[in-house]
Amino acid sequence: MLRVSLLLACALGALVLPAQAFEAPKMLKSGDDPLGHLLNKKERLYPSPALYDLDGDGFKDLVIGDLFGNLTVSKGSKEGFGAETVLTAADGKPLKFNNW
């Protein structure tokens, strides 16, 4: 019943939600190199970052996937993020997810 009331209020313009304010996007970098933009000197399509502490050191690492299924990681530390490297499996081979 509440859902119907909210939908009706929105349709009639009676419900006004506060505007959301977002800061301007910021490019993440390791030193002077942008993170998530290039992989092996090739453009990445739709890089999608996620923060997760992969190695359990208490610092979040930046894991970046893209539309082609590539995965990279930039290790976090108290100084910031390290260089971006290809994320590998236990056997040392690059992790890649086929999106097509």
N, C-alpha and C. Protein backbone atom coordinates (compact mmCIF):
# COMPACT_ATOMS: atom_id res chain seq x y z
N MET A 1 0.82 -1.19 0.00
CA MET A 1 0.00 0.00 0.00
C MET A 1 0.87 1.26 0.00
N LEU A 2 1.97 1.22 0.77
CA LEU A 2 2.87 2.37 0.83
C LEU A 2 3.49 2.62 -0.54
N ARG A 3 3.86 1.55 -1.24
CA ARG A 3 4.47 1.67 -2.56
C ARG A 3 3.51 2.36 -3.53
N VAL A 4 2.24 1.97 -3.52
CA VAL A 4 1.24 2.58 -4.39
C VAL A 4 1.08 4.06 -4.05
N SER A 5 1.07 4.38 -2.76
CA SER A 5 0.94 5.78 -2.35
C SER A 5 2.12 6.61 -2.81
N LEU A 6 3.34 6.04 -2.70
CA LEU A 6 4.52 6.77 -3.15
C LEU A 6 4.51 6.96 -4.65
N LEU A 7 4.13 5.92 -5.40
CA LEU A 7 4.07 6.05 -6.85
C LEU A 7 3.05 7.09 -7.27
N LEU A 8 1.91 7.09 -6.62
CA LEU A 8 0.87 8.07 -6.93
C LEU A 8 1.34 9.48 -6.60
N ALA A 9 2.00 9.65 -5.45
CA ALA A 9 2.51 10.96 -5.05
C ALA A 9 3.56 11.45 -6.05
N CYS A 10 4.42 10.55 -6.52
CA CYS A 10 5.44 10.93 -7.51
C CYS A 10 4.77 11.33 -8.83
N ALA A 11 3.78 10.55 -9.24
CA ALA A 11 3.09 10.84 -10.50
C ALA A 11 2.37 12.19 -10.44
N LEU A 12 1.86 12.53 -9.31
CA LEU A 12 1.13 13.80 -9.17
C LEU A 12 2.05 14.97 -8.85
N GLY A 13 3.33 14.69 -8.65
CA GLY A 13 4.27 15.75 -8.36
C GLY A 13 4.22 16.23 -6.92
N ALA A 14 3.56 15.49 -6.06
CA ALA A 14 3.40 15.91 -4.67
C ALA A 14 4.62 15.56 -3.83
N LEU A 15 5.42 14.62 -4.30
CA LEU A 15 6.59 14.18 -3.54
C LEU A 15 7.82 14.81 -4.17
N VAL A 16 8.49 15.64 -3.42
CA VAL A 16 9.70 16.29 -3.91
C VAL A 16 10.87 15.79 -3.08
N LEU A 17 11.80 15.15 -3.75
CA LEU A 17 12.98 14.63 -3.07
C LEU A 17 14.10 15.65 -3.16
N PRO A 18 14.96 15.71 -2.15
CA PRO A 18 16.07 16.67 -2.21
C PRO A 18 17.03 16.31 -3.34
N ALA A 19 17.60 17.32 -3.97
CA ALA A 19 18.55 17.10 -5.04
C ALA A 19 19.83 16.47 -4.48
N GLN A 20 20.39 15.56 -5.22
CA GLN A 20 21.64 14.93 -4.81
C GLN A 20 22.81 15.76 -5.33
N ALA A 21 23.79 15.95 -4.51
CA ALA A 21 24.97 16.70 -4.91
C ALA A 21 26.17 15.75 -4.96
N PHE A 22 26.85 15.75 -6.08
CA PHE A 22 28.03 14.92 -6.24
C PHE A 22 29.22 15.81 -6.54
N GLU A 23 30.37 15.40 -6.05
CA GLU A 23 31.59 16.13 -6.38
C GLU A 23 32.01 15.78 -7.81
N ALA A 24 32.84 16.61 -8.38
CA ALA A 24 33.36 16.34 -9.72
C ALA A 24 34.20 15.06 -9.68
N PRO A 25 34.20 14.28 -10.76
CA PRO A 25 34.99 13.05 -10.79
C PRO A 25 36.48 13.35 -10.60
N LYS A 26 37.17 12.42 -9.98
CA LYS A 26 38.61 12.57 -9.76
C LYS A 26 39.32 11.37 -10.37
N MET A 27 40.39 11.63 -11.11
CA MET A 27 41.16 10.55 -11.70
C MET A 27 42.06 9.95 -10.63
N LEU A 28 42.00 8.64 -10.48
CA LEU A 28 42.89 7.94 -9.55
C LEU A 28 44.22 7.70 -10.22
N LYS A 29 45.30 7.96 -9.49
CA LYS A 29 46.63 7.82 -10.07
C LYS A 29 47.56 7.06 -9.13
N SER A 30 48.54 6.43 -9.73
CA SER A 30 49.68 5.87 -9.02
C SER A 30 50.87 6.67 -9.52
N GLY A 31 51.38 7.57 -8.69
CA GLY A 31 52.39 8.51 -9.18
C GLY A 31 51.75 9.42 -10.20
N ASP A 32 52.31 9.46 -11.40
CA ASP A 32 51.75 10.27 -12.48
C ASP A 32 50.89 9.46 -13.44
N ASP A 33 50.80 8.14 -13.23
CA ASP A 33 50.07 7.27 -14.15
C ASP A 33 48.62 7.10 -13.71
N PRO A 34 47.67 7.32 -14.63
CA PRO A 34 46.26 7.10 -14.28
C PRO A 34 45.98 5.61 -14.11
N LEU A 35 45.10 5.28 -13.18
CA LEU A 35 44.73 3.89 -12.93
C LEU A 35 43.46 3.55 -13.69
N GLY A 36 43.42 2.34 -14.25
CA GLY A 36 42.22 1.84 -14.88
C GLY A 36 41.98 2.29 -16.30
N HIS A 37 42.86 3.13 -16.84
CA HIS A 37 42.60 3.65 -18.17
C HIS A 37 43.28 2.82 -19.25
N LEU A 38 44.52 2.47 -19.04
CA LEU A 38 45.27 1.71 -20.04
C LEU A 38 45.70 0.37 -19.47
N LEU A 39 45.72 -0.63 -20.30
CA LEU A 39 46.21 -1.96 -19.94
C LEU A 39 47.10 -2.43 -21.07
N ASN A 40 48.38 -2.61 -20.78
CA ASN A 40 49.34 -3.01 -21.81
C ASN A 40 49.28 -2.08 -23.02
N LYS A 41 49.17 -0.78 -22.73
CA LYS A 41 49.15 0.29 -23.73
C LYS A 41 47.93 0.21 -24.66
N LYS A 42 46.88 -0.50 -24.24
CA LYS A 42 45.63 -0.55 -25.00
C LYS A 42 44.53 0.10 -24.18
N GLU A 43 43.63 0.78 -24.87
CA GLU A 43 42.49 1.39 -24.18
C GLU A 43 41.63 0.32 -23.54
N ARG A 44 41.03 0.65 -22.41
CA ARG A 44 40.10 -0.25 -21.74
C ARG A 44 38.69 0.27 -21.95
N LEU A 45 37.77 -0.64 -22.15
CA LEU A 45 36.38 -0.26 -22.36
C LEU A 45 35.61 -0.45 -21.07
N TYR A 46 35.02 0.63 -20.57
CA TYR A 46 34.23 0.64 -19.34
C TYR A 46 34.99 0.06 -18.14
N PRO A 47 36.13 0.64 -17.77
CA PRO A 47 36.81 0.15 -16.56
C PRO A 47 35.90 0.34 -15.35
N SER A 48 35.81 -0.70 -14.54
CA SER A 48 34.91 -0.70 -13.38
C SER A 48 35.70 -1.04 -12.13
N PRO A 49 35.95 -0.05 -11.27
CA PRO A 49 36.76 -0.28 -10.08
C PRO A 49 35.94 -0.80 -8.89
N ALA A 50 36.63 -1.52 -8.03
CA ALA A 50 36.06 -1.97 -6.75
C ALA A 50 37.19 -1.96 -5.73
N LEU A 51 36.88 -1.56 -4.50
CA LEU A 51 37.87 -1.57 -3.43
C LEU A 51 37.68 -2.81 -2.57
N TYR A 52 38.79 -3.52 -2.32
CA TYR A 52 38.74 -4.72 -1.50
C TYR A 52 40.16 -5.01 -1.00
N ASP A 53 40.29 -5.41 0.24
CA ASP A 53 41.60 -5.75 0.80
C ASP A 53 41.94 -7.19 0.39
N LEU A 54 42.61 -7.34 -0.74
CA LEU A 54 42.92 -8.67 -1.27
C LEU A 54 43.93 -9.45 -0.44
N ASP A 55 44.91 -8.76 0.11
CA ASP A 55 45.99 -9.46 0.81
C ASP A 55 45.89 -9.39 2.33
N GLY A 56 44.81 -8.80 2.86
CA GLY A 56 44.59 -8.79 4.30
C GLY A 56 45.54 -7.91 5.09
N ASP A 57 46.16 -6.91 4.44
CA ASP A 57 47.10 -6.04 5.14
C ASP A 57 46.44 -4.84 5.80
N GLY A 58 45.11 -4.74 5.71
CA GLY A 58 44.39 -3.63 6.32
C GLY A 58 44.20 -2.44 5.41
N PHE A 59 44.75 -2.49 4.19
CA PHE A 59 44.58 -1.41 3.22
C PHE A 59 43.77 -1.94 2.05
N LYS A 60 42.79 -1.13 1.61
CA LYS A 60 41.97 -1.52 0.47
C LYS A 60 42.80 -1.46 -0.81
N ASP A 61 42.64 -2.48 -1.64
CA ASP A 61 43.30 -2.53 -2.94
C ASP A 61 42.26 -2.18 -4.00
N LEU A 62 42.69 -1.56 -5.08
CA LEU A 62 41.80 -1.16 -6.15
C LEU A 62 41.83 -2.24 -7.22
N VAL A 63 40.72 -2.96 -7.37
CA VAL A 63 40.60 -4.00 -8.40
C VAL A 63 39.77 -3.40 -9.52
N ILE A 64 40.29 -3.51 -10.76
CA ILE A 64 39.62 -2.90 -11.90
C ILE A 64 39.37 -3.96 -12.96
N GLY A 65 38.10 -4.13 -13.30
CA GLY A 65 37.73 -5.01 -14.40
C GLY A 65 37.26 -4.15 -15.57
N ASP A 66 37.19 -4.76 -16.75
CA ASP A 66 36.68 -4.02 -17.90
C ASP A 66 35.78 -4.92 -18.74
N LEU A 67 35.20 -4.34 -19.77
CA LEU A 67 34.24 -5.05 -20.59
C LEU A 67 34.87 -6.24 -21.31
N PHE A 68 36.18 -6.20 -21.54
CA PHE A 68 36.86 -7.29 -22.23
C PHE A 68 37.22 -8.44 -21.28
N GLY A 69 36.93 -8.29 -19.98
CA GLY A 69 37.20 -9.34 -19.02
C GLY A 69 38.55 -9.26 -18.35
N ASN A 70 39.31 -8.21 -18.59
CA ASN A 70 40.62 -8.04 -17.97
C ASN A 70 40.46 -7.60 -16.52
N LEU A 71 41.37 -8.06 -15.66
CA LEU A 71 41.38 -7.66 -14.25
C LEU A 71 42.77 -7.18 -13.87
N THR A 72 42.82 -6.02 -13.23
CA THR A 72 44.08 -5.50 -12.71
C THR A 72 43.88 -5.13 -11.25
N VAL A 73 45.00 -4.96 -10.56
CA VAL A 73 44.95 -4.55 -9.16
C VAL A 73 46.01 -3.50 -8.92
N SER A 74 45.66 -2.55 -8.08
CA SER A 74 46.59 -1.55 -7.59
C SER A 74 46.58 -1.67 -6.07
N LYS A 75 47.67 -2.14 -5.51
CA LYS A 75 47.75 -2.39 -4.07
C LYS A 75 47.71 -1.08 -3.29
N GLY A 76 46.88 -1.08 -2.25
CA GLY A 76 46.77 0.09 -1.40
C GLY A 76 47.77 0.05 -0.26
N SER A 77 48.20 1.22 0.18
CA SER A 77 49.11 1.34 1.32
C SER A 77 48.86 2.69 1.97
N LYS A 78 49.59 3.00 3.03
CA LYS A 78 49.39 4.29 3.68
C LYS A 78 49.85 5.45 2.78
N GLU A 79 50.68 5.17 1.78
CA GLU A 79 51.12 6.21 0.85
C GLU A 79 50.15 6.40 -0.31
N GLY A 80 49.19 5.50 -0.50
CA GLY A 80 48.25 5.58 -1.62
C GLY A 80 48.24 4.27 -2.38
N PHE A 81 47.97 4.33 -3.67
CA PHE A 81 47.91 3.13 -4.49
C PHE A 81 49.22 2.92 -5.23
N GLY A 82 49.60 1.65 -5.36
CA GLY A 82 50.81 1.30 -6.10
C GLY A 82 50.51 1.18 -7.58
N ALA A 83 51.50 0.75 -8.33
CA ALA A 83 51.35 0.58 -9.78
C ALA A 83 50.30 -0.48 -10.08
N GLU A 84 49.61 -0.31 -11.17
CA GLU A 84 48.57 -1.25 -11.58
C GLU A 84 49.23 -2.46 -12.25
N THR A 85 48.86 -3.65 -11.78
CA THR A 85 49.39 -4.88 -12.35
C THR A 85 48.23 -5.83 -12.68
N VAL A 86 48.50 -6.76 -13.57
CA VAL A 86 47.48 -7.74 -13.95
C VAL A 86 47.25 -8.66 -12.76
N LEU A 87 45.98 -8.93 -12.46
CA LEU A 87 45.61 -9.83 -11.37
C LEU A 87 45.78 -11.26 -11.85
N THR A 88 46.50 -12.06 -11.08
CA THR A 88 46.79 -13.43 -11.49
C THR A 88 46.18 -14.44 -10.53
N ALA A 89 45.99 -15.64 -11.04
CA ALA A 89 45.48 -16.76 -10.25
C ALA A 89 46.64 -17.40 -9.51
N ALA A 90 46.35 -18.42 -8.71
CA ALA A 90 47.39 -19.11 -7.92
C ALA A 90 48.45 -19.73 -8.83
N ASP A 91 48.08 -20.11 -10.06
CA ASP A 91 49.05 -20.71 -10.98
C ASP A 91 49.88 -19.67 -11.73
N GLY A 92 49.67 -18.39 -11.45
CA GLY A 92 50.44 -17.32 -12.06
C GLY A 92 49.89 -16.82 -13.38
N LYS A 93 48.82 -17.43 -13.88
CA LYS A 93 48.23 -17.00 -15.14
C LYS A 93 47.27 -15.84 -14.87
N PRO A 94 47.19 -14.88 -15.83
CA PRO A 94 46.28 -13.74 -15.63
C PRO A 94 44.82 -14.19 -15.50
N LEU A 95 44.12 -13.58 -14.56
CA LEU A 95 42.68 -13.83 -14.44
C LEU A 95 41.98 -13.03 -15.52
N LYS A 96 41.08 -13.67 -16.23
CA LYS A 96 40.32 -12.98 -17.27
C LYS A 96 38.95 -13.62 -17.34
N PHE A 97 37.94 -12.79 -17.42
CA PHE A 97 36.56 -13.27 -17.50
C PHE A 97 36.02 -12.90 -18.87
N ASN A 98 35.53 -13.88 -19.59
CA ASN A 98 34.98 -13.64 -20.91
C ASN A 98 33.58 -13.07 -20.78
N ASN A 99 33.42 -11.83 -21.20
CA ASN A 99 32.13 -11.16 -21.12
C ASN A 99 31.28 -11.34 -22.36
N TRP A 100 31.82 -11.95 -23.38
CA TRP A 100 31.07 -12.12 -24.61
C TRP A 100 30.69 -13.54 -24.72
